[in-house]
């Protein structure tokens, strides 16, 4: 006999009660489902979530995102309990850069500064001099001398974007996000024909040809802020479609059109890992206090330094 799925209102009441009982803070990335974003205490991109996690007074943090985000919170708050609704919520970009292989890559360039994207495992961060996000990567790279020898990993598209803007020749790890590499130039151009007044918003993890179509390239937080300020009334959004929920909430008078992937009939491009988290799993993790994120202490100590360096180099404006 099939078990009836509890209604959303009932689930939300349970989550709120459990959150208060546990003294927990619920954090959610912009790519989470709308119902999780709506119940979260804090919503943001990777940079905002890392910055907030470092200052939270709560003894329990529930990270609704993907595993590396939970790891980052645990590294910054080792004394706290960090929960994740689904421990299988990984990241294709992080998976494209195994720590043991990246270690060999770094060792083959011993005179290089290592800059790693936040979308990496704790093991990769432990091999890193400074961590960056899509929102602060350019700013942090520019703090180094123009002739500095730099390894940038793992996202080749973001690294290529920064190289193109700065004229640098950073050595790039050959990794990529499966979501942002799927956008179709042809389908975006077709949308533009049907919505000629629409501005095209593109995440820098997208390929160079897609970025060339952009009216604005930036992180999820940057793109969200741009929609608030732009006079345009329509936008074609080439990043994970979860951000559109916040765009519509903050700009209800504007139209947001998700850019579709090339290899699907779907009208939007979603991260299957991000969507593993559900209200049911959020309720259950608060009820059972599991799955909890754990990071090897030695790795955590090494990984904390480059994360704190990132926060130091990208203060709140």
C-alpha atoms as a PDB file:
ATOM      1  CA  UNK A   1       0.000   0.000   0.000  1.00  0.00           C
ATOM      2  CA  UNK A   2       1.445   3.358  -1.078  1.00  0.00           C
ATOM      3  CA  UNK A   3       2.195   5.903   1.619  1.00  0.00           C
ATOM      4  CA  UNK A   4       0.547   9.230   1.001  1.00  0.00           C
ATOM      5  CA  UNK A   5       3.010  12.125   0.727  1.00  0.00           C
ATOM      6  CA  UNK A   6       2.387  14.681   3.477  1.00  0.00           C
ATOM      7  CA  UNK A   7       1.123  18.011   2.225  1.00  0.00           C
ATOM      8  CA  UNK A   8       3.554  20.870   1.965  1.00  0.00           C
ATOM      9  CA  UNK A   9       1.875  22.911   4.717  1.00  0.00           C
ATOM     10  CA  UNK A  10       2.116  20.023   7.170  1.00  0.00           C
ATOM     11  CA  UNK A  11       5.764  19.435   6.277  1.00  0.00           C
ATOM     12  CA  UNK A  12       6.617  23.094   6.750  1.00  0.00           C
ATOM     13  CA  UNK A  13       4.973  23.136  10.186  1.00  0.00           C
ATOM     14  CA  UNK A  14       6.963  20.065  11.197  1.00  0.00           C
ATOM     15  CA  UNK A  15      10.207  21.590   9.911  1.00  0.00           C
ATOM     16  CA  UNK A  16       9.653  24.869  11.745  1.00  0.00           C
ATOM     17  CA  UNK A  17       8.878  23.044  15.004  1.00  0.00           C
ATOM     18  CA  UNK A  18      11.943  20.809  14.675  1.00  0.00           C
ATOM     19  CA  UNK A  19      14.131  23.761  13.742  1.00  0.00           C
ATOM     20  CA  UNK A  20      13.118  25.571  16.920  1.00  0.00           C
ATOM     21  CA  UNK A  21      13.589  22.424  19.010  1.00  0.00           C
ATOM     22  CA  UNK A  22      17.111  21.871  17.646  1.00  0.00           C
ATOM     23  CA  UNK A  23      18.138  25.528  17.653  1.00  0.00           C
ATOM     24  CA  UNK A  24      18.953  25.108  13.989  1.00  0.00           C
ATOM     25  CA  UNK A  25      19.460  27.501  11.094  1.00  0.00           C
ATOM     26  CA  UNK A  26      18.374  26.364   7.643  1.00  0.00           C
ATOM     27  CA  UNK A  27      20.544  27.567   4.765  1.00  0.00           C
ATOM     28  CA  UNK A  28      19.658  27.130   1.098  1.00  0.00           C
ATOM     29  CA  UNK A  29      21.392  27.768  -2.185  1.00  0.00           C
ATOM     30  CA  UNK A  30      19.559  29.628  -4.941  1.00  0.00           C
ATOM     31  CA  UNK A  31      19.405  26.389  -6.943  1.00  0.00           C
ATOM     32  CA  UNK A  32      17.202  24.613  -4.408  1.00  0.00           C
ATOM     33  CA  UNK A  33      13.520  23.964  -5.074  1.00  0.00           C
ATOM     34  CA  UNK A  34      11.168  26.906  -4.388  1.00  0.00           C
ATOM     35  CA  UNK A  35       9.617  25.289  -1.307  1.00  0.00           C
ATOM     36  CA  UNK A  36      13.037  24.816   0.316  1.00  0.00           C
ATOM     37  CA  UNK A  37      14.100  28.357  -0.543  1.00  0.00           C
ATOM     38  CA  UNK A  38      10.876  29.660   1.017  1.00  0.00           C
ATOM     39  CA  UNK A  39      11.405  27.879   4.335  1.00  0.00           C
ATOM     40  CA  UNK A  40      15.125  28.662   4.657  1.00  0.00           C
ATOM     41  CA  UNK A  41      16.428  31.193   7.162  1.00  0.00           C
ATOM     42  CA  UNK A  42      19.226  32.214   4.800  1.00  0.00           C
ATOM     43  CA  UNK A  43      19.374  32.013   1.001  1.00  0.00           C
ATOM     44  CA  UNK A  44      22.400  32.809  -1.112  1.00  0.00           C
ATOM     45  CA  UNK A  45      25.153  31.762  -3.453  1.00  0.00           C
ATOM     46  CA  UNK A  46      28.249  29.875  -2.299  1.00  0.00           C
ATOM     47  CA  UNK A  47      30.049  33.020  -1.127  1.00  0.00           C
ATOM     48  CA  UNK A  48      27.098  34.334   0.873  1.00  0.00           C
ATOM     49  CA  UNK A  49      26.432  30.949   2.476  1.00  0.00           C
ATOM     50  CA  UNK A  50      30.089  30.558   3.495  1.00  0.00           C
ATOM     51  CA  UNK A  51      30.179  34.059   4.950  1.00  0.00           C
ATOM     52  CA  UNK A  52      26.926  33.569   6.873  1.00  0.00           C
ATOM     53  CA  UNK A  53      27.902  30.112   8.167  1.00  0.00           C
ATOM     54  CA  UNK A  54      31.088  31.536   9.665  1.00  0.00           C
ATOM     55  CA  UNK A  55      29.105  33.921  11.877  1.00  0.00           C
ATOM     56  CA  UNK A  56      25.980  31.952  12.837  1.00  0.00           C
ATOM     57  CA  UNK A  57      25.281  31.554  16.572  1.00  0.00           C
ATOM     58  CA  UNK A  58      23.174  28.415  16.022  1.00  0.00           C
ATOM     59  CA  UNK A  59      24.519  25.102  17.267  1.00  0.00           C
ATOM     60  CA  UNK A  60      22.999  23.263  14.302  1.00  0.00           C
ATOM     61  CA  UNK A  61      23.260  24.229  10.622  1.00  0.00           C
ATOM     62  CA  UNK A  62      21.229  22.487   7.935  1.00  0.00           C
ATOM     63  CA  UNK A  63      22.840  23.066   4.538  1.00  0.00           C
ATOM     64  CA  UNK A  64      20.357  22.620   1.705  1.00  0.00           C
ATOM     65  CA  UNK A  65      22.680  22.562  -1.250  1.00  0.00           C
ATOM     66  CA  UNK A  66      25.321  20.065  -2.289  1.00  0.00           C
ATOM     67  CA  UNK A  67      27.950  18.242  -0.265  1.00  0.00           C
ATOM     68  CA  UNK A  68      30.872  20.637  -0.714  1.00  0.00           C
ATOM     69  CA  UNK A  69      28.724  23.422   0.782  1.00  0.00           C
ATOM     70  CA  UNK A  70      28.105  21.315   3.871  1.00  0.00           C
ATOM     71  CA  UNK A  71      31.828  20.593   4.076  1.00  0.00           C
ATOM     72  CA  UNK A  72      32.639  24.293   3.839  1.00  0.00           C
ATOM     73  CA  UNK A  73      30.248  25.093   6.678  1.00  0.00           C
ATOM     74  CA  UNK A  74      31.733  22.307   8.828  1.00  0.00           C
ATOM     75  CA  UNK A  75      35.285  23.481   8.121  1.00  0.00           C
ATOM     76  CA  UNK A  76      34.387  27.016   9.177  1.00  0.00           C
ATOM     77  CA  UNK A  77      32.338  25.832  12.183  1.00  0.00           C
ATOM     78  CA  UNK A  78      33.984  22.617  13.438  1.00  0.00           C
ATOM     79  CA  UNK A  79      32.236  22.846  16.802  1.00  0.00           C
ATOM     80  CA  UNK A  80      28.769  22.905  15.220  1.00  0.00           C
ATOM     81  CA  UNK A  81      26.588  20.100  13.921  1.00  0.00           C
ATOM     82  CA  UNK A  82      26.179  20.482  10.164  1.00  0.00           C
ATOM     83  CA  UNK A  83      23.415  18.443   8.563  1.00  0.00           C
ATOM     84  CA  UNK A  84      22.551  17.864   4.906  1.00  0.00           C
ATOM     85  CA  UNK A  85      19.143  16.543   3.851  1.00  0.00           C
ATOM     86  CA  UNK A  86      20.635  14.129   1.298  1.00  0.00           C
ATOM     87  CA  UNK A  87      24.240  12.955   1.527  1.00  0.00           C
ATOM     88  CA  UNK A  88      24.100  11.896  -2.130  1.00  0.00           C
ATOM     89  CA  UNK A  89      23.719  15.525  -3.251  1.00  0.00           C
ATOM     90  CA  UNK A  90      27.121  15.832  -4.841  1.00  0.00           C
ATOM     91  CA  UNK A  91      28.526  18.108  -7.546  1.00  0.00           C
ATOM     92  CA  UNK A  92      29.677  17.154 -11.029  1.00  0.00           C
ATOM     93  CA  UNK A  93      32.286  19.919 -10.978  1.00  0.00           C
ATOM     94  CA  UNK A  94      33.740  18.788  -7.650  1.00  0.00           C
ATOM     95  CA  UNK A  95      33.694  15.186  -8.892  1.00  0.00           C
ATOM     96  CA  UNK A  96      35.691  16.232 -11.968  1.00  0.00           C
ATOM     97  CA  UNK A  97      38.639  17.094  -9.701  1.00  0.00           C
ATOM     98  CA  UNK A  98      39.657  14.161  -7.430  1.00  0.00           C
ATOM     99  CA  UNK A  99      42.017  15.305  -4.680  1.00  0.00           C
ATOM    100  CA  UNK A 100      44.687  12.680  -5.422  1.00  0.00           C
ATOM    101  CA  UNK A 101      44.849  13.640  -9.098  1.00  0.00           C
ATOM    102  CA  UNK A 102      44.806  17.345  -8.317  1.00  0.00           C
ATOM    103  CA  UNK A 103      47.692  16.815  -5.866  1.00  0.00           C
ATOM    104  CA  UNK A 104      49.812  15.348  -8.669  1.00  0.00           C
ATOM    105  CA  UNK A 105      48.831  18.255 -10.910  1.00  0.00           C
ATOM    106  CA  UNK A 106      49.871  20.787  -8.272  1.00  0.00           C
ATOM    107  CA  UNK A 107      53.140  18.968  -7.584  1.00  0.00           C
ATOM    108  CA  UNK A 108      53.988  19.114 -11.285  1.00  0.00           C
ATOM    109  CA  UNK A 109      53.877  22.935 -11.043  1.00  0.00           C
ATOM    110  CA  UNK A 110      55.737  23.545  -7.748  1.00  0.00           C
ATOM    111  CA  UNK A 111      56.263  27.281  -8.283  1.00  0.00           C
ATOM    112  CA  UNK A 112      52.569  28.108  -8.827  1.00  0.00           C
ATOM    113  CA  UNK A 113      49.961  29.645  -6.550  1.00  0.00           C
ATOM    114  CA  UNK A 114      46.907  27.384  -6.336  1.00  0.00           C
ATOM    115  CA  UNK A 115      43.475  29.003  -6.664  1.00  0.00           C
ATOM    116  CA  UNK A 116      40.548  26.607  -6.340  1.00  0.00           C
ATOM    117  CA  UNK A 117      36.886  27.157  -6.980  1.00  0.00           C
ATOM    118  CA  UNK A 118      34.650  26.600  -3.961  1.00  0.00           C
ATOM    119  CA  UNK A 119      32.959  23.765  -5.911  1.00  0.00           C
ATOM    120  CA  UNK A 120      35.592  21.289  -4.715  1.00  0.00           C
ATOM    121  CA  UNK A 121      36.060  18.703  -2.002  1.00  0.00           C
ATOM    122  CA  UNK A 122      37.718  19.506   1.314  1.00  0.00           C
ATOM    123  CA  UNK A 123      40.689  17.470   0.083  1.00  0.00           C
ATOM    124  CA  UNK A 124      41.200  19.797  -2.880  1.00  0.00           C
ATOM    125  CA  UNK A 125      40.766  22.881  -0.715  1.00  0.00           C
ATOM    126  CA  UNK A 126      43.516  21.525   1.550  1.00  0.00           C
ATOM    127  CA  UNK A 127      45.905  21.715  -1.436  1.00  0.00           C
ATOM    128  CA  UNK A 128      44.898  25.303  -2.182  1.00  0.00           C
ATOM    129  CA  UNK A 129      46.300  28.755  -1.390  1.00  0.00           C
ATOM    130  CA  UNK A 130      43.013  30.610  -1.765  1.00  0.00           C
ATOM    131  CA  UNK A 131      39.453  29.545  -2.561  1.00  0.00           C
ATOM    132  CA  UNK A 132      37.184  31.582  -4.860  1.00  0.00           C
ATOM    133  CA  UNK A 133      33.555  31.605  -5.942  1.00  0.00           C
ATOM    134  CA  UNK A 134      32.097  32.775  -9.236  1.00  0.00           C
ATOM    135  CA  UNK A 135      31.160  35.994  -7.448  1.00  0.00           C
ATOM    136  CA  UNK A 136      34.674  36.918  -6.305  1.00  0.00           C
ATOM    137  CA  UNK A 137      37.059  34.949  -8.545  1.00  0.00           C
ATOM    138  CA  UNK A 138      38.006  37.900 -10.749  1.00  0.00           C
ATOM    139  CA  UNK A 139      38.477  40.190  -7.754  1.00  0.00           C
ATOM    140  CA  UNK A 140      40.730  37.698  -5.964  1.00  0.00           C
ATOM    141  CA  UNK A 141      42.788  36.750  -9.024  1.00  0.00           C
ATOM    142  CA  UNK A 142      43.461  40.445  -9.592  1.00  0.00           C
ATOM    143  CA  UNK A 143      45.082  40.713  -6.138  1.00  0.00           C
ATOM    144  CA  UNK A 144      48.015  38.735  -7.534  1.00  0.00           C
ATOM    145  CA  UNK A 145      50.776  40.259  -9.690  1.00  0.00           C
ATOM    146  CA  UNK A 146      50.103  40.205 -13.416  1.00  0.00           C
ATOM    147  CA  UNK A 147      53.021  37.840 -13.982  1.00  0.00           C
ATOM    148  CA  UNK A 148      52.134  35.519 -11.092  1.00  0.00           C
ATOM    149  CA  UNK A 149      52.143  31.834 -11.952  1.00  0.00           C
ATOM    150  CA  UNK A 150      48.713  30.478 -11.068  1.00  0.00           C
ATOM    151  CA  UNK A 151      46.922  27.146 -11.204  1.00  0.00           C
ATOM    152  CA  UNK A 152      43.155  27.590 -11.401  1.00  0.00           C
ATOM    153  CA  UNK A 153      40.863  24.662 -10.851  1.00  0.00           C
ATOM    154  CA  UNK A 154      38.647  22.921 -11.457  1.00  0.00           C
ATOM    155  CA  UNK A 155      36.312  24.905 -13.740  1.00  0.00           C
ATOM    156  CA  UNK A 156      37.937  25.470 -17.121  1.00  0.00           C
ATOM    157  CA  UNK A 157      35.132  27.758 -18.286  1.00  0.00           C
ATOM    158  CA  UNK A 158      35.376  30.126 -15.324  1.00  0.00           C
ATOM    159  CA  UNK A 159      39.166  30.030 -15.601  1.00  0.00           C
ATOM    160  CA  UNK A 160      39.028  30.818 -19.323  1.00  0.00           C
ATOM    161  CA  UNK A 161      36.619  33.674 -18.586  1.00  0.00           C
ATOM    162  CA  UNK A 162      39.017  35.220 -16.078  1.00  0.00           C
ATOM    163  CA  UNK A 163      41.978  34.725 -18.421  1.00  0.00           C
ATOM    164  CA  UNK A 164      40.044  36.501 -21.185  1.00  0.00           C
ATOM    165  CA  UNK A 165      39.227  39.463 -18.947  1.00  0.00           C
ATOM    166  CA  UNK A 166      42.684  39.853 -17.430  1.00  0.00           C
ATOM    167  CA  UNK A 167      45.040  38.710 -20.163  1.00  0.00           C
ATOM    168  CA  UNK A 168      46.499  36.172 -17.762  1.00  0.00           C
ATOM    169  CA  UNK A 169      47.631  32.682 -18.667  1.00  0.00           C
ATOM    170  CA  UNK A 170      46.547  30.708 -15.634  1.00  0.00           C
ATOM    171  CA  UNK A 171      47.034  26.972 -15.965  1.00  0.00           C
ATOM    172  CA  UNK A 172      43.567  25.422 -15.858  1.00  0.00           C
ATOM    173  CA  UNK A 173      42.398  22.095 -14.500  1.00  0.00           C
ATOM    174  CA  UNK A 174      40.151  20.443 -17.084  1.00  0.00           C
ATOM    175  CA  UNK A 175      36.864  20.270 -15.158  1.00  0.00           C
ATOM    176  CA  UNK A 176      33.368  21.587 -15.770  1.00  0.00           C
ATOM    177  CA  UNK A 177      29.798  21.716 -14.462  1.00  0.00           C
ATOM    178  CA  UNK A 178      27.442  19.357 -16.275  1.00  0.00           C
ATOM    179  CA  UNK A 179      24.579  21.856 -15.991  1.00  0.00           C
ATOM    180  CA  UNK A 180      26.331  24.937 -17.335  1.00  0.00           C
ATOM    181  CA  UNK A 181      27.995  23.072 -20.208  1.00  0.00           C
ATOM    182  CA  UNK A 182      24.616  21.897 -21.538  1.00  0.00           C
ATOM    183  CA  UNK A 183      23.215  25.239 -22.660  1.00  0.00           C
ATOM    184  CA  UNK A 184      22.483  25.440 -26.373  1.00  0.00           C
ATOM    185  CA  UNK A 185      23.505  28.509 -28.381  1.00  0.00           C
ATOM    186  CA  UNK A 186      20.871  27.655 -30.984  1.00  0.00           C
ATOM    187  CA  UNK A 187      18.072  27.379 -28.428  1.00  0.00           C
ATOM    188  CA  UNK A 188      19.103  30.607 -26.705  1.00  0.00           C
ATOM    189  CA  UNK A 189      19.166  32.418 -30.063  1.00  0.00           C
ATOM    190  CA  UNK A 190      15.736  30.972 -30.860  1.00  0.00           C
ATOM    191  CA  UNK A 191      14.425  32.355 -27.559  1.00  0.00           C
ATOM    192  CA  UNK A 192      15.997  35.710 -28.400  1.00  0.00           C
ATOM    193  CA  UNK A 193      14.117  35.776 -31.729  1.00  0.00           C
ATOM    194  CA  UNK A 194      10.857  35.171 -29.892  1.00  0.00           C
ATOM    195  CA  UNK A 195      11.733  37.678 -27.164  1.00  0.00           C
ATOM    196  CA  UNK A 196      13.836  40.322 -28.940  1.00  0.00           C
ATOM    197  CA  UNK A 197      13.714  42.760 -26.000  1.00  0.00           C
ATOM    198  CA  UNK A 198      14.951  40.182 -23.506  1.00  0.00           C
ATOM    199  CA  UNK A 199      18.401  40.509 -21.983  1.00  0.00           C
ATOM    200  CA  UNK A 200      20.507  37.353 -21.812  1.00  0.00           C
ATOM    201  CA  UNK A 201      21.991  36.494 -18.406  1.00  0.00           C
ATOM    202  CA  UNK A 202      24.837  33.959 -18.326  1.00  0.00           C
ATOM    203  CA  UNK A 203      26.789  32.274 -15.531  1.00  0.00           C
ATOM    204  CA  UNK A 204      30.590  32.247 -16.074  1.00  0.00           C
ATOM    205  CA  UNK A 205      30.661  28.450 -15.768  1.00  0.00           C
ATOM    206  CA  UNK A 206      29.056  28.377 -19.221  1.00  0.00           C
ATOM    207  CA  UNK A 207      31.161  27.829 -22.330  1.00  0.00           C
ATOM    208  CA  UNK A 208      32.761  30.785 -24.114  1.00  0.00           C
ATOM    209  CA  UNK A 209      30.316  30.725 -27.088  1.00  0.00           C
ATOM    210  CA  UNK A 210      27.355  30.997 -24.697  1.00  0.00           C
ATOM    211  CA  UNK A 211      29.056  33.782 -22.726  1.00  0.00           C
ATOM    212  CA  UNK A 212      29.483  35.724 -25.975  1.00  0.00           C
ATOM    213  CA  UNK A 213      25.681  36.002 -26.180  1.00  0.00           C
ATOM    214  CA  UNK A 214      25.393  37.569 -22.736  1.00  0.00           C
ATOM    215  CA  UNK A 215      24.180  41.026 -21.862  1.00  0.00           C
ATOM    216  CA  UNK A 216      25.401  40.239 -18.349  1.00  0.00           C
ATOM    217  CA  UNK A 217      27.754  37.524 -17.119  1.00  0.00           C
ATOM    218  CA  UNK A 218      27.998  36.833 -13.406  1.00  0.00           C
ATOM    219  CA  UNK A 219      27.353  34.618 -10.404  1.00  0.00           C
ATOM    220  CA  UNK A 220      23.818  33.845  -9.309  1.00  0.00           C
ATOM    221  CA  UNK A 221      23.922  36.703  -6.795  1.00  0.00           C
ATOM    222  CA  UNK A 222      25.279  39.106  -9.422  1.00  0.00           C
ATOM    223  CA  UNK A 223      22.604  38.104 -11.943  1.00  0.00           C
ATOM    224  CA  UNK A 224      19.860  38.447  -9.338  1.00  0.00           C
ATOM    225  CA  UNK A 225      21.071  41.920  -8.434  1.00  0.00           C
ATOM    226  CA  UNK A 226      21.263  42.849 -12.119  1.00  0.00           C
ATOM    227  CA  UNK A 227      17.600  41.948 -12.672  1.00  0.00           C
ATOM    228  CA  UNK A 228      16.605  44.268  -9.830  1.00  0.00           C
ATOM    229  CA  UNK A 229      18.442  47.206 -11.395  1.00  0.00           C
ATOM    230  CA  UNK A 230      17.945  46.597 -15.113  1.00  0.00           C
ATOM    231  CA  UNK A 231      15.240  48.500 -16.970  1.00  0.00           C
ATOM    232  CA  UNK A 232      14.601  45.442 -19.117  1.00  0.00           C
ATOM    233  CA  UNK A 233      11.311  43.626 -18.571  1.00  0.00           C
ATOM    234  CA  UNK A 234      12.322  40.240 -19.978  1.00  0.00           C
ATOM    235  CA  UNK A 235      15.360  38.043 -19.290  1.00  0.00           C
ATOM    236  CA  UNK A 236      16.670  34.796 -20.742  1.00  0.00           C
ATOM    237  CA  UNK A 237      18.462  33.075 -17.868  1.00  0.00           C
ATOM    238  CA  UNK A 238      21.374  30.725 -18.660  1.00  0.00           C
ATOM    239  CA  UNK A 239      22.141  29.210 -15.291  1.00  0.00           C
ATOM    240  CA  UNK A 240      20.477  26.580 -13.109  1.00  0.00           C
ATOM    241  CA  UNK A 241      16.798  27.442 -13.184  1.00  0.00           C
ATOM    242  CA  UNK A 242      16.350  27.490  -9.398  1.00  0.00           C
ATOM    243  CA  UNK A 243      17.511  31.123  -9.290  1.00  0.00           C
ATOM    244  CA  UNK A 244      14.422  32.145 -11.265  1.00  0.00           C
ATOM    245  CA  UNK A 245      12.261  31.617  -8.168  1.00  0.00           C
ATOM    246  CA  UNK A 246      14.046  34.464  -6.371  1.00  0.00           C
ATOM    247  CA  UNK A 247      14.089  36.607  -9.508  1.00  0.00           C
ATOM    248  CA  UNK A 248      10.319  36.307  -9.838  1.00  0.00           C
ATOM    249  CA  UNK A 249       9.779  37.003  -6.133  1.00  0.00           C
ATOM    250  CA  UNK A 250      11.909  40.131  -6.177  1.00  0.00           C
ATOM    251  CA  UNK A 251      10.804  41.383  -9.604  1.00  0.00           C
ATOM    252  CA  UNK A 252       7.187  40.206 -10.027  1.00  0.00           C
ATOM    253  CA  UNK A 253       6.591  42.664 -12.858  1.00  0.00           C
ATOM    254  CA  UNK A 254       9.321  41.116 -15.011  1.00  0.00           C
ATOM    255  CA  UNK A 255       9.425  37.958 -17.145  1.00  0.00           C
ATOM    256  CA  UNK A 256      12.150  35.331 -16.681  1.00  0.00           C
ATOM    257  CA  UNK A 257      12.679  32.653 -19.308  1.00  0.00           C
ATOM    258  CA  UNK A 258      14.917  29.676 -18.463  1.00  0.00           C
ATOM    259  CA  UNK A 259      17.438  28.802 -21.159  1.00  0.00           C
ATOM    260  CA  UNK A 260      17.021  25.114 -22.088  1.00  0.00           C
ATOM    261  CA  UNK A 261      19.772  22.501 -22.348  1.00  0.00           C
ATOM    262  CA  UNK A 262      20.873  21.291 -25.746  1.00  0.00           C
ATOM    263  CA  UNK A 263      20.197  17.593 -25.212  1.00  0.00           C
ATOM    264  CA  UNK A 264      16.666  17.681 -23.841  1.00  0.00           C
ATOM    265  CA  UNK A 265      13.121  18.666 -24.641  1.00  0.00           C
ATOM    266  CA  UNK A 266      12.853  20.263 -21.179  1.00  0.00           C
ATOM    267  CA  UNK A 267      12.307  24.001 -21.089  1.00  0.00           C
ATOM    268  CA  UNK A 268      14.802  24.548 -18.255  1.00  0.00           C
ATOM    269  CA  UNK A 269      18.190  23.284 -17.100  1.00  0.00           C
ATOM    270  CA  UNK A 270      18.285  21.786 -13.595  1.00  0.00           C
ATOM    271  CA  UNK A 271      21.008  20.307 -11.401  1.00  0.00           C
ATOM    272  CA  UNK A 272      19.877  16.808 -10.477  1.00  0.00           C
ATOM    273  CA  UNK A 273      22.083  16.897  -7.371  1.00  0.00           C
ATOM    274  CA  UNK A 274      20.566  20.129  -6.051  1.00  0.00           C
ATOM    275  CA  UNK A 275      17.092  18.739  -6.596  1.00  0.00           C
ATOM    276  CA  UNK A 276      17.790  15.654  -4.449  1.00  0.00           C
ATOM    277  CA  UNK A 277      16.940  17.726  -1.388  1.00  0.00           C
ATOM    278  CA  UNK A 278      13.230  17.734  -0.523  1.00  0.00           C
ATOM    279  CA  UNK A 279      11.047  18.987   2.296  1.00  0.00           C
ATOM    280  CA  UNK A 280      10.613  15.404   3.486  1.00  0.00           C
ATOM    281  CA  UNK A 281      14.366  14.884   3.695  1.00  0.00           C
ATOM    282  CA  UNK A 282      14.807  18.262   5.388  1.00  0.00           C
ATOM    283  CA  UNK A 283      12.241  17.284   8.024  1.00  0.00           C
ATOM    284  CA  UNK A 284      13.819  13.868   8.523  1.00  0.00           C
ATOM    285  CA  UNK A 285      17.358  15.177   8.941  1.00  0.00           C
ATOM    286  CA  UNK A 286      16.166  17.591  11.650  1.00  0.00           C
ATOM    287  CA  UNK A 287      14.227  14.794  13.324  1.00  0.00           C
ATOM    288  CA  UNK A 288      17.049  12.209  13.250  1.00  0.00           C
ATOM    289  CA  UNK A 289      19.987  14.673  13.279  1.00  0.00           C
ATOM    290  CA  UNK A 290      21.500  12.803  10.365  1.00  0.00           C
ATOM    291  CA  UNK A 291      23.174  12.739   7.890  1.00  0.00           C
ATOM    292  CA  UNK A 292      25.810  14.886   9.596  1.00  0.00           C
ATOM    293  CA  UNK A 293      28.780  16.264   7.679  1.00  0.00           C
ATOM    294  CA  UNK A 294      32.193  15.203   8.973  1.00  0.00           C
ATOM    295  CA  UNK A 295      35.592  16.336   7.692  1.00  0.00           C
ATOM    296  CA  UNK A 296      38.918  14.767   8.633  1.00  0.00           C
ATOM    297  CA  UNK A 297      40.494  17.094  11.193  1.00  0.00           C
ATOM    298  CA  UNK A 298      43.877  17.360   9.482  1.00  0.00           C
ATOM    299  CA  UNK A 299      42.270  18.121   6.115  1.00  0.00           C
ATOM    300  CA  UNK A 300      39.846  20.583   7.726  1.00  0.00           C
ATOM    301  CA  UNK A 301      42.674  22.586   9.306  1.00  0.00           C
ATOM    302  CA  UNK A 302      44.470  22.850   5.955  1.00  0.00           C
ATOM    303  CA  UNK A 303      41.251  23.630   4.053  1.00  0.00           C
ATOM    304  CA  UNK A 304      40.154  26.344   6.466  1.00  0.00           C
ATOM    305  CA  UNK A 305      43.092  28.629   5.662  1.00  0.00           C
ATOM    306  CA  UNK A 306      42.258  29.173   1.952  1.00  0.00           C
ATOM    307  CA  UNK A 307      38.553  29.631   2.760  1.00  0.00           C
ATOM    308  CA  UNK A 308      39.350  32.284   5.366  1.00  0.00           C
ATOM    309  CA  UNK A 309      41.759  33.882   2.876  1.00  0.00           C
ATOM    310  CA  UNK A 310      38.852  34.143   0.432  1.00  0.00           C
ATOM    311  CA  UNK A 311      36.643  35.851   3.009  1.00  0.00           C
ATOM    312  CA  UNK A 312      39.481  38.226   3.867  1.00  0.00           C
ATOM    313  CA  UNK A 313      40.043  39.174   0.216  1.00  0.00           C
ATOM    314  CA  UNK A 314      36.339  39.653  -0.556  1.00  0.00           C
ATOM    315  CA  UNK A 315      34.859  41.694   2.295  1.00  0.00           C
ATOM    316  CA  UNK A 316      31.191  42.661   2.273  1.00  0.00           C
ATOM    317  CA  UNK A 317      30.738  45.866   0.301  1.00  0.00           C
END
